[in-house]
Every structure is written in C-alpha cells, then in structure tokens.
C-alpha cells in the first residue's frame, strides 16, 4: 500500500465499554471531595472533558465544584509535595557575606 494512502486510514482501536464516571445518584457538590478528586490530576489541575468522559453540563458543574472547594481550602490549588520535599532536604550552608576592607 502506498504511504499516502496509509495516512487516510483510521487506526482500529479496541472498544472497551467503561462505566460512566458519575452515577445518576451522585451529587456534584463542592463538599463531595471523593467525587471531585477523580477529576483532578496529580498536579492539582482539572482534567479535560475528553479524559473525564463527562457531558458538557457535568464538566461545568465539576469545574465550579472544584473551584469552590479550592476557595474554601478543601482542596489545594496546586499539589507540589515533591517540590516541597526537595526544597526541605537541600539546606544552605553558605554563611553571610562580609565586606572586605
């Protein structure tokens, strides 16, 4: 097959049916931290709708709930535990600079 024709062929993906991330009984609310944590990355970023497999309305509600939880300090704005540990472990051994006469 010619290379130019290969570009137009779609790759065949295996189709796996996953459970929807939000069940009908779940309330999307800033107090429901266990539900909200599923839609946040390790760095603390809000995951996209494509990754979450949510509807537009659900994604909007999740985003509002995450922002409210951050403002009320139920969730961190960013998760930088690794950076914090790295900064903690490196100590400065340099002393004060003195003026030369």
PDB file of N, CA and C in Angstrom:
ATOM      1  N   UNK A   1       0.841  -1.177   0.000  1.00  0.00           N
ATOM      2  CA  UNK A   1       0.000   0.000   0.000  1.00  0.00           C
ATOM      3  C   UNK A   1       0.891   1.248   0.000  1.00  0.00           C
ATOM      4  N   UNK A   2       0.481   2.235  -0.732  1.00  0.00           N
ATOM      5  CA  UNK A   2       1.243   3.472  -0.854  1.00  0.00           C
ATOM      6  C   UNK A   2       1.199   4.250   0.469  1.00  0.00           C
ATOM      7  N   UNK A   3       2.281   4.955   0.803  1.00  0.00           N
ATOM      8  CA  UNK A   3       2.353   5.709   2.051  1.00  0.00           C
ATOM      9  C   UNK A   3       1.292   6.794   2.132  1.00  0.00           C
ATOM     10  N   UNK A   4       0.984   7.420   1.010  1.00  0.00           N
ATOM     11  CA  UNK A   4      -0.020   8.489   1.019  1.00  0.00           C
ATOM     12  C   UNK A   4      -1.405   7.944   1.356  1.00  0.00           C
ATOM     13  N   UNK A   5      -1.682   6.712   0.977  1.00  0.00           N
ATOM     14  CA  UNK A   5      -2.990   6.124   1.291  1.00  0.00           C
ATOM     15  C   UNK A   5      -3.080   5.709   2.755  1.00  0.00           C
ATOM     16  N   UNK A   6      -1.951   5.350   3.355  1.00  0.00           N
ATOM     17  CA  UNK A   6      -1.942   4.927   4.755  1.00  0.00           C
ATOM     18  C   UNK A   6      -2.343   6.050   5.692  1.00  0.00           C
ATOM     19  N   UNK A   7      -2.049   7.269   5.313  1.00  0.00           N
ATOM     20  CA  UNK A   7      -2.363   8.405   6.175  1.00  0.00           C
ATOM     21  C   UNK A   7      -3.854   8.598   6.376  1.00  0.00           C
ATOM     22  N   UNK A   8      -4.641   8.189   5.376  1.00  0.00           N
ATOM     23  CA  UNK A   8      -6.076   8.409   5.447  1.00  0.00           C
ATOM     24  C   UNK A   8      -6.832   7.271   6.120  1.00  0.00           C
ATOM     25  N   UNK A   9      -6.178   6.156   6.339  1.00  0.00           N
ATOM     26  CA  UNK A   9      -6.831   5.036   7.012  1.00  0.00           C
ATOM     27  C   UNK A   9      -6.838   5.268   8.512  1.00  0.00           C
ATOM     28  N   UNK A  10      -7.961   5.038   9.123  1.00  0.00           N
ATOM     29  CA  UNK A  10      -8.065   5.210  10.570  1.00  0.00           C
ATOM     30  C   UNK A  10      -7.525   3.979  11.270  1.00  0.00           C
ATOM     31  N   UNK A  11      -6.875   4.216  12.377  1.00  0.00           N
ATOM     32  CA  UNK A  11      -6.390   3.078  13.152  1.00  0.00           C
ATOM     33  C   UNK A  11      -7.564   2.435  13.883  1.00  0.00           C
ATOM     34  N   UNK A  12      -7.536   1.129  13.945  1.00  0.00           N
ATOM     35  CA  UNK A  12      -8.615   0.420  14.620  1.00  0.00           C
ATOM     36  C   UNK A  12      -8.272   0.290  16.094  1.00  0.00           C
ATOM     37  N   UNK A  13      -9.135   0.853  16.916  1.00  0.00           N
ATOM     38  CA  UNK A  13      -8.940   0.772  18.359  1.00  0.00           C
ATOM     39  C   UNK A  13      -9.900  -0.256  18.936  1.00  0.00           C
ATOM     40  N   UNK A  14      -9.457  -0.900  19.981  1.00  0.00           N
ATOM     41  CA  UNK A  14     -10.369  -1.820  20.642  1.00  0.00           C
ATOM     42  C   UNK A  14     -11.351  -0.987  21.464  1.00  0.00           C
ATOM     43  N   UNK A  15     -12.599  -1.306  21.340  1.00  0.00           N
ATOM     44  CA  UNK A  15     -13.635  -0.553  22.023  1.00  0.00           C
ATOM     45  C   UNK A  15     -13.974  -1.250  23.332  1.00  0.00           C
ATOM     46  N   UNK A  16     -13.641  -0.582  24.430  1.00  0.00           N
ATOM     47  CA  UNK A  16     -13.986  -1.122  25.744  1.00  0.00           C
ATOM     48  C   UNK A  16     -15.043  -0.234  26.365  1.00  0.00           C
ATOM     49  N   UNK A  17     -16.072  -0.846  26.844  1.00  0.00           N
ATOM     50  CA  UNK A  17     -17.136  -0.074  27.471  1.00  0.00           C
ATOM     51  C   UNK A  17     -16.778   0.136  28.937  1.00  0.00           C
ATOM     52  N   UNK A  18     -16.669   1.414  29.324  1.00  0.00           N
ATOM     53  CA  UNK A  18     -16.362   1.745  30.712  1.00  0.00           C
ATOM     54  C   UNK A  18     -17.601   2.272  31.401  1.00  0.00           C
ATOM     55  N   UNK A  19     -17.609   2.147  32.702  1.00  0.00           N
ATOM     56  CA  UNK A  19     -18.710   2.713  33.467  1.00  0.00           C
ATOM     57  C   UNK A  19     -18.628   4.228  33.416  1.00  0.00           C
ATOM     58  N   UNK A  20     -19.749   4.910  33.414  1.00  0.00           N
ATOM     59  CA  UNK A  20     -19.695   6.368  33.422  1.00  0.00           C
ATOM     60  C   UNK A  20     -19.084   6.858  34.732  1.00  0.00           C
ATOM     61  N   UNK A  21     -18.295   7.931  34.671  1.00  0.00           N
ATOM     62  CA  UNK A  21     -17.610   8.395  35.873  1.00  0.00           C
ATOM     63  C   UNK A  21     -18.558   8.910  36.956  1.00  0.00           C
ATOM     64  N   UNK A  22     -19.706   9.413  36.552  1.00  0.00           N
ATOM     65  CA  UNK A  22     -20.669   9.920  37.527  1.00  0.00           C
ATOM     66  C   UNK A  22     -21.939   9.078  37.424  1.00  0.00           C
ATOM     67  N   UNK A  23     -22.302   8.471  38.527  1.00  0.00           N
ATOM     68  CA  UNK A  23     -23.510   7.668  38.577  1.00  0.00           C
ATOM     69  C   UNK A  23     -24.719   8.595  38.729  1.00  0.00           C
ATOM     70  N   UNK A  24     -25.912   8.149  38.355  1.00  0.00           N
ATOM     71  CA  UNK A  24     -27.096   9.016  38.444  1.00  0.00           C
ATOM     72  C   UNK A  24     -27.385   9.526  39.863  1.00  0.00           C
ATOM     73  N   UNK A  25     -27.021   8.773  40.876  1.00  0.00           N
ATOM     74  CA  UNK A  25     -27.303   9.191  42.249  1.00  0.00           C
ATOM     75  C   UNK A  25     -26.282  10.146  42.846  1.00  0.00           C
ATOM     76  N   UNK A  26     -25.127  10.326  42.186  1.00  0.00           N
ATOM     77  CA  UNK A  26     -24.071  11.193  42.714  1.00  0.00           C
ATOM     78  C   UNK A  26     -24.451  12.662  42.599  1.00  0.00           C
ATOM     79  N   UNK A  27     -24.210  13.392  43.696  1.00  0.00           N
ATOM     80  CA  UNK A  27     -24.433  14.839  43.669  1.00  0.00           C
ATOM     81  C   UNK A  27     -23.115  15.519  43.374  1.00  0.00           C
ATOM     82  N   UNK A  28     -23.093  16.385  42.393  1.00  0.00           N
ATOM     83  CA  UNK A  28     -21.889  17.150  42.081  1.00  0.00           C
ATOM     84  C   UNK A  28     -21.919  18.381  42.972  1.00  0.00           C
ATOM     85  N   UNK A  29     -21.093  18.339  44.013  1.00  0.00           N
ATOM     86  CA  UNK A  29     -21.097  19.399  45.004  1.00  0.00           C
ATOM     87  C   UNK A  29     -19.683  19.587  45.531  1.00  0.00           C
ATOM     88  N   UNK A  30     -19.368  20.769  45.998  1.00  0.00           N
ATOM     89  CA  UNK A  30     -18.021  21.043  46.496  1.00  0.00           C
ATOM     90  C   UNK A  30     -17.697  20.257  47.761  1.00  0.00           C
ATOM     91  N   UNK A  31     -18.700  19.780  48.455  1.00  0.00           N
ATOM     92  CA  UNK A  31     -18.469  19.012  49.684  1.00  0.00           C
ATOM     93  C   UNK A  31     -18.163  17.543  49.407  1.00  0.00           C
ATOM     94  N   UNK A  32     -18.449  17.081  48.203  1.00  0.00           N
ATOM     95  CA  UNK A  32     -18.225  15.686  47.825  1.00  0.00           C
ATOM     96  C   UNK A  32     -16.791  15.532  47.301  1.00  0.00           C
ATOM     97  N   UNK A  33     -15.831  15.538  48.217  1.00  0.00           N
ATOM     98  CA  UNK A  33     -14.410  15.540  47.858  1.00  0.00           C
ATOM     99  C   UNK A  33     -14.005  14.226  47.177  1.00  0.00           C
ATOM    100  N   UNK A  34     -14.579  13.114  47.589  1.00  0.00           N
ATOM    101  CA  UNK A  34     -14.213  11.836  46.979  1.00  0.00           C
ATOM    102  C   UNK A  34     -14.575  11.806  45.491  1.00  0.00           C
ATOM    103  N   UNK A  35     -15.678  12.436  45.121  1.00  0.00           N
ATOM    104  CA  UNK A  35     -16.071  12.514  43.716  1.00  0.00           C
ATOM    105  C   UNK A  35     -15.172  13.502  42.971  1.00  0.00           C
ATOM    106  N   UNK A  36     -14.903  14.647  43.571  1.00  0.00           N
ATOM    107  CA  UNK A  36     -14.111  15.697  42.920  1.00  0.00           C
ATOM    108  C   UNK A  36     -12.685  15.234  42.665  1.00  0.00           C
ATOM    109  N   UNK A  37     -12.104  14.464  43.575  1.00  0.00           N
ATOM    110  CA  UNK A  37     -10.713  14.021  43.428  1.00  0.00           C
ATOM    111  C   UNK A  37     -10.494  13.167  42.186  1.00  0.00           C
ATOM    112  N   UNK A  38     -11.533  12.534  41.674  1.00  0.00           N
ATOM    113  CA  UNK A  38     -11.403  11.719  40.466  1.00  0.00           C
ATOM    114  C   UNK A  38     -11.125  12.562  39.224  1.00  0.00           C
ATOM    115  N   UNK A  39     -11.459  13.848  39.282  1.00  0.00           N
ATOM    116  CA  UNK A  39     -11.355  14.711  38.109  1.00  0.00           C
ATOM    117  C   UNK A  39     -10.212  15.709  38.214  1.00  0.00           C
ATOM    118  N   UNK A  40      -9.267  15.439  39.104  1.00  0.00           N
ATOM    119  CA  UNK A  40      -8.101  16.301  39.285  1.00  0.00           C
ATOM    120  C   UNK A  40      -6.854  15.463  39.037  1.00  0.00           C
ATOM    121  N   UNK A  41      -5.877  16.061  38.328  1.00  0.00           N
ATOM    122  CA  UNK A  41      -4.630  15.347  38.061  1.00  0.00           C
ATOM    123  C   UNK A  41      -3.756  15.346  39.308  1.00  0.00           C
ATOM    124  N   UNK A  42      -2.604  14.676  39.219  1.00  0.00           N
ATOM    125  CA  UNK A  42      -1.682  14.616  40.358  1.00  0.00           C
ATOM    126  C   UNK A  42      -1.124  15.988  40.715  1.00  0.00           C
ATOM    127  N   UNK A  43      -1.009  16.860  39.707  1.00  0.00           N
ATOM    128  CA  UNK A  43      -0.509  18.205  39.958  1.00  0.00           C
ATOM    129  C   UNK A  43      -1.587  19.127  40.506  1.00  0.00           C
ATOM    130  N   UNK A  44      -2.837  18.691  40.508  1.00  0.00           N
ATOM    131  CA  UNK A  44      -3.928  19.509  41.010  1.00  0.00           C
ATOM    132  C   UNK A  44      -4.695  20.221  39.915  1.00  0.00           C
ATOM    133  N   UNK A  45      -4.446  19.862  38.657  1.00  0.00           N
ATOM    134  CA  UNK A  45      -5.139  20.500  37.539  1.00  0.00           C
ATOM    135  C   UNK A  45      -6.462  19.799  37.273  1.00  0.00           C
ATOM    136  N   UNK A  46      -7.421  20.554  36.757  1.00  0.00           N
ATOM    137  CA  UNK A  46      -8.707  19.979  36.373  1.00  0.00           C
ATOM    138  C   UNK A  46      -8.522  19.251  35.049  1.00  0.00           C
ATOM    139  N   UNK A  47      -8.905  17.987  35.018  1.00  0.00           N
ATOM    140  CA  UNK A  47      -8.759  17.194  33.796  1.00  0.00           C
ATOM    141  C   UNK A  47      -9.799  17.610  32.759  1.00  0.00           C
ATOM    142  N   UNK A  48      -9.465  17.428  31.497  1.00  0.00           N
ATOM    143  CA  UNK A  48     -10.355  17.838  30.420  1.00  0.00           C
ATOM    144  C   UNK A  48     -11.573  16.923  30.336  1.00  0.00           C
ATOM    145  N   UNK A  49     -12.554  17.427  29.657  1.00  0.00           N
ATOM    146  CA  UNK A  49     -13.795  16.689  29.479  1.00  0.00           C
ATOM    147  C   UNK A  49     -13.577  15.411  28.686  1.00  0.00           C
ATOM    148  N   UNK A  50     -12.651  15.454  27.775  1.00  0.00           N
ATOM    149  CA  UNK A  50     -12.338  14.294  26.943  1.00  0.00           C
ATOM    150  C   UNK A  50     -11.773  13.148  27.776  1.00  0.00           C
ATOM    151  N   UNK A  51     -10.902  13.482  28.724  1.00  0.00           N
ATOM    152  CA  UNK A  51     -10.333  12.457  29.603  1.00  0.00           C
ATOM    153  C   UNK A  51     -11.350  11.967  30.622  1.00  0.00           C
ATOM    154  N   UNK A  52     -12.176  12.873  31.111  1.00  0.00           N
ATOM    155  CA  UNK A  52     -13.156  12.520  32.139  1.00  0.00           C
ATOM    156  C   UNK A  52     -14.346  11.743  31.600  1.00  0.00           C
ATOM    157  N   UNK A  53     -14.595  11.888  30.294  1.00  0.00           N
ATOM    158  CA  UNK A  53     -15.772  11.300  29.658  1.00  0.00           C
ATOM    159  C   UNK A  53     -17.058  11.810  30.297  1.00  0.00           C
ATOM    160  N   UNK A  54     -17.140  13.128  30.443  1.00  0.00           N
ATOM    161  CA  UNK A  54     -18.312  13.766  31.017  1.00  0.00           C
ATOM    162  C   UNK A  54     -19.069  14.525  29.936  1.00  0.00           C
ATOM    163  N   UNK A  55     -20.333  14.818  30.233  1.00  0.00           N
ATOM    164  CA  UNK A  55     -21.085  15.696  29.350  1.00  0.00           C
ATOM    165  C   UNK A  55     -20.661  17.127  29.634  1.00  0.00           C
ATOM    166  N   UNK A  56     -21.053  18.043  28.766  1.00  0.00           N
ATOM    167  CA  UNK A  56     -20.680  19.445  28.937  1.00  0.00           C
ATOM    168  C   UNK A  56     -21.237  20.009  30.239  1.00  0.00           C
ATOM    169  N   UNK A  57     -22.469  19.663  30.538  1.00  0.00           N
ATOM    170  CA  UNK A  57     -23.113  20.152  31.753  1.00  0.00           C
ATOM    171  C   UNK A  57     -22.403  19.606  33.000  1.00  0.00           C
ATOM    172  N   UNK A  58     -22.070  18.322  32.982  1.00  0.00           N
ATOM    173  CA  UNK A  58     -21.376  17.721  34.116  1.00  0.00           C
ATOM    174  C   UNK A  58     -20.003  18.338  34.309  1.00  0.00           C
ATOM    175  N   UNK A  59     -19.273  18.591  33.196  1.00  0.00           N
ATOM    176  CA  UNK A  59     -17.941  19.183  33.293  1.00  0.00           C
ATOM    177  C   UNK A  59     -18.017  20.578  33.897  1.00  0.00           C
ATOM    178  N   UNK A  60     -19.016  21.361  33.503  1.00  0.00           N
ATOM    179  CA  UNK A  60     -19.187  22.698  34.068  1.00  0.00           C
ATOM    180  C   UNK A  60     -19.442  22.621  35.565  1.00  0.00           C
ATOM    181  N   UNK A  61     -20.325  21.704  35.974  1.00  0.00           N
ATOM    182  CA  UNK A  61     -20.635  21.557  37.401  1.00  0.00           C
ATOM    183  C   UNK A  61     -19.417  21.089  38.197  1.00  0.00           C
ATOM    184  N   UNK A  62     -18.635  20.164  37.628  1.00  0.00           N
ATOM    185  CA  UNK A  62     -17.416  19.679  38.281  1.00  0.00           C
ATOM    186  C   UNK A  62     -16.423  20.819  38.441  1.00  0.00           C
ATOM    187  N   UNK A  63     -16.247  21.621  37.384  1.00  0.00           N
ATOM    188  CA  UNK A  63     -15.303  22.734  37.430  1.00  0.00           C
ATOM    189  C   UNK A  63     -15.699  23.740  38.503  1.00  0.00           C
ATOM    190  N   UNK A  64     -16.975  24.068  38.577  1.00  0.00           N
ATOM    191  CA  UNK A  64     -17.452  25.012  39.595  1.00  0.00           C
ATOM    192  C   UNK A  64     -17.241  24.435  40.986  1.00  0.00           C
ATOM    193  N   UNK A  65     -17.537  23.140  41.155  1.00  0.00           N
ATOM    194  CA  UNK A  65     -17.371  22.495  42.459  1.00  0.00           C
ATOM    195  C   UNK A  65     -15.902  22.476  42.886  1.00  0.00           C
ATOM    196  N   UNK A  66     -14.990  22.206  41.947  1.00  0.00           N
ATOM    197  CA  UNK A  66     -13.556  22.185  42.260  1.00  0.00           C
ATOM    198  C   UNK A  66     -13.087  23.571  42.674  1.00  0.00           C
ATOM    199  N   UNK A  67     -13.517  24.584  41.938  1.00  0.00           N
ATOM    200  CA  UNK A  67     -13.109  25.954  42.261  1.00  0.00           C
ATOM    201  C   UNK A  67     -13.643  26.393  43.616  1.00  0.00           C
ATOM    202  N   UNK A  68     -14.890  26.024  43.939  1.00  0.00           N
ATOM    203  CA  UNK A  68     -15.451  26.359  45.247  1.00  0.00           C
ATOM    204  C   UNK A  68     -14.693  25.649  46.369  1.00  0.00           C
ATOM    205  N   UNK A  69     -14.352  24.374  46.144  1.00  0.00           N
ATOM    206  CA  UNK A  69     -13.612  23.608  47.155  1.00  0.00           C
ATOM    207  C   UNK A  69     -12.222  24.192  47.361  1.00  0.00           C
ATOM    208  N   UNK A  70     -11.591  24.689  46.291  1.00  0.00           N
ATOM    209  CA  UNK A  70     -10.275  25.318  46.429  1.00  0.00           C
ATOM    210  C   UNK A  70     -10.365  26.602  47.227  1.00  0.00           C
ATOM    211  N   UNK A  71     -11.380  27.415  46.949  1.00  0.00           N
ATOM    212  CA  UNK A  71     -11.537  28.687  47.664  1.00  0.00           C
ATOM    213  C   UNK A  71     -11.782  28.439  49.142  1.00  0.00           C
ATOM    214  N   UNK A  72     -12.552  27.416  49.461  1.00  0.00           N
ATOM    215  CA  UNK A  72     -12.840  27.087  50.859  1.00  0.00           C
ATOM    216  C   UNK A  72     -11.732  26.244  51.487  1.00  0.00           C
ATOM    217  N   UNK A  73     -10.629  26.081  50.776  1.00  0.00           N
ATOM    218  CA  UNK A  73      -9.432  25.327  51.181  1.00  0.00           C
ATOM    219  C   UNK A  73      -9.733  23.875  51.554  1.00  0.00           C
ATOM    220  N   UNK A  74     -10.683  23.281  50.867  1.00  0.00           N
ATOM    221  CA  UNK A  74     -10.917  21.848  50.989  1.00  0.00           C
ATOM    222  C   UNK A  74      -9.985  21.083  50.054  1.00  0.00           C
ATOM    223  N   UNK A  75      -9.546  21.756  48.983  1.00  0.00           N
ATOM    224  CA  UNK A  75      -8.593  21.198  48.025  1.00  0.00           C
ATOM    225  C   UNK A  75      -7.453  22.193  47.831  1.00  0.00           C
ATOM    226  N   UNK A  76      -6.248  21.705  47.556  1.00  0.00           N
ATOM    227  CA  UNK A  76      -5.148  22.638  47.268  1.00  0.00           C
ATOM    228  C   UNK A  76      -5.269  23.173  45.837  1.00  0.00           C
ATOM    229  N   UNK A  77      -4.758  24.384  45.616  1.00  0.00           N
ATOM    230  CA  UNK A  77      -4.751  24.935  44.265  1.00  0.00           C
ATOM    231  C   UNK A  77      -3.764  24.174  43.397  1.00  0.00           C
ATOM    232  N   UNK A  78      -2.570  23.898  43.940  1.00  0.00           N
ATOM    233  CA  UNK A  78      -1.587  23.082  43.230  1.00  0.00           C
ATOM    234  C   UNK A  78      -1.020  22.072  44.206  1.00  0.00           C
ATOM    235  N   UNK A  79      -0.646  20.932  43.691  1.00  0.00           N
ATOM    236  CA  UNK A  79      -0.070  19.887  44.521  1.00  0.00           C
ATOM    237  C   UNK A  79       1.418  19.828  44.225  1.00  0.00           C
ATOM    238  N   UNK A  80       2.229  20.415  45.103  1.00  0.00           N
ATOM    239  CA  UNK A  80       3.666  20.442  44.863  1.00  0.00           C
ATOM    240  C   UNK A  80       4.417  19.799  46.024  1.00  0.00           C
ATOM    241  N   UNK A  81       3.977  18.620  46.435  1.00  0.00           N
ATOM    242  CA  UNK A  81       4.623  17.916  47.540  1.00  0.00           C
ATOM    243  C   UNK A  81       6.052  17.526  47.196  1.00  0.00           C
ATOM    244  N   UNK A  82       6.282  17.116  45.944  1.00  0.00           N
ATOM    245  CA  UNK A  82       7.622  16.710  45.533  1.00  0.00           C
ATOM    246  C   UNK A  82       8.580  17.887  45.610  1.00  0.00           C
ATOM    247  N   UNK A  83       8.144  19.058  45.130  1.00  0.00           N
ATOM    248  CA  UNK A  83       8.990  20.244  45.174  1.00  0.00           C
ATOM    249  C   UNK A  83       9.261  20.642  46.622  1.00  0.00           C
ATOM    250  N   UNK A  84       8.226  20.535  47.467  1.00  0.00           N
ATOM    251  CA  UNK A  84       8.374  20.909  48.861  1.00  0.00           C
ATOM    252  C   UNK A  84       9.390  20.006  49.556  1.00  0.00           C
ATOM    253  N   UNK A  85       9.338  18.701  49.298  1.00  0.00           N
ATOM    254  CA  UNK A  85      10.290  17.765  49.894  1.00  0.00           C
ATOM    255  C   UNK A  85      11.710  18.043  49.406  1.00  0.00           C
ATOM    256  N   UNK A  86      11.829  18.383  48.136  1.00  0.00           N
ATOM    257  CA  UNK A  86      13.136  18.662  47.572  1.00  0.00           C
ATOM    258  C   UNK A  86      13.730  19.927  48.205  1.00  0.00           C
ATOM    259  N   UNK A  87      12.921  20.945  48.363  1.00  0.00           N
ATOM    260  CA  UNK A  87      13.394  22.180  48.983  1.00  0.00           C
ATOM    261  C   UNK A  87      13.774  21.960  50.447  1.00  0.00           C
ATOM    262  N   UNK A  88      13.006  21.130  51.123  1.00  0.00           N
ATOM    263  CA  UNK A  88      13.247  20.863  52.533  1.00  0.00           C
ATOM    264  C   UNK A  88      14.579  20.146  52.740  1.00  0.00           C
ATOM    265  N   UNK A  89      14.891  19.210  51.855  1.00  0.00           N
ATOM    266  CA  UNK A  89      16.080  18.392  52.035  1.00  0.00           C
ATOM    267  C   UNK A  89      17.361  19.148  51.712  1.00  0.00           C
ATOM    268  N   UNK A  90      17.310  20.113  50.802  1.00  0.00           N
ATOM    269  CA  UNK A  90      18.512  20.864  50.460  1.00  0.00           C
ATOM    270  C   UNK A  90      18.642  22.053  51.408  1.00  0.00           C
ATOM    271  N   UNK A  91      19.677  22.020  52.203  1.00  0.00           N
ATOM    272  CA  UNK A  91      19.899  23.121  53.135  1.00  0.00           C
ATOM    273  C   UNK A  91      21.057  23.958  52.649  1.00  0.00           C
ATOM    274  N   UNK A  92      20.989  25.228  52.922  1.00  0.00           N
ATOM    275  CA  UNK A  92      22.061  26.120  52.503  1.00  0.00           C
ATOM    276  C   UNK A  92      23.137  26.152  53.572  1.00  0.00           C
ATOM    277  N   UNK A  93      24.366  26.021  53.125  1.00  0.00           N
ATOM    278  CA  UNK A  93      25.482  26.039  54.070  1.00  0.00           C
ATOM    279  C   UNK A  93      26.309  27.311  53.932  1.00  0.00           C
ATOM    280  N   UNK A  94      25.876  28.196  53.049  1.00  0.00           N
ATOM    281  CA  UNK A  94      26.642  29.423  52.861  1.00  0.00           C
ATOM    282  C   UNK A  94      26.356  30.388  53.994  1.00  0.00           C
ATOM    283  N   UNK A  95      27.392  31.037  54.442  1.00  0.00           N
ATOM    284  CA  UNK A  95      27.242  31.999  55.529  1.00  0.00           C
ATOM    285  C   UNK A  95      26.980  33.384  54.976  1.00  0.00           C
ATOM    286  N   UNK A  96      26.945  34.370  55.880  1.00  0.00           N
ATOM    287  CA  UNK A  96      26.746  35.737  55.444  1.00  0.00           C
ATOM    288  C   UNK A  96      28.006  36.257  54.782  1.00  0.00           C
ATOM    289  N   UNK A  97      27.818  37.097  53.809  1.00  0.00           N
ATOM    290  CA  UNK A  97      28.972  37.697  53.141  1.00  0.00           C
ATOM    291  C   UNK A  97      29.457  38.870  53.974  1.00  0.00           C
ATOM    292  N   UNK A  98      30.738  38.952  54.083  1.00  0.00           N
ATOM    293  CA  UNK A  98      31.320  40.070  54.856  1.00  0.00           C
ATOM    294  C   UNK A  98      31.991  41.034  53.911  1.00  0.00           C
ATOM    295  N   UNK A  99      32.008  42.302  54.307  1.00  0.00           N
ATOM    296  CA  UNK A  99      32.643  43.308  53.489  1.00  0.00           C
ATOM    297  C   UNK A  99      34.148  43.221  53.630  1.00  0.00           C
ATOM    298  N   UNK A 100      34.827  43.330  52.519  1.00  0.00           N
ATOM    299  CA  UNK A 100      36.287  43.352  52.558  1.00  0.00           C
ATOM    300  C   UNK A 100      36.740  44.797  52.704  1.00  0.00           C
ATOM    301  N   UNK A 101      37.745  45.036  53.555  1.00  0.00           N
ATOM    302  CA  UNK A 101      38.241  46.386  53.791  1.00  0.00           C
ATOM    303  C   UNK A 101      39.390  46.727  52.919  1.00  0.00           C
TER     304      UNK A 101
END
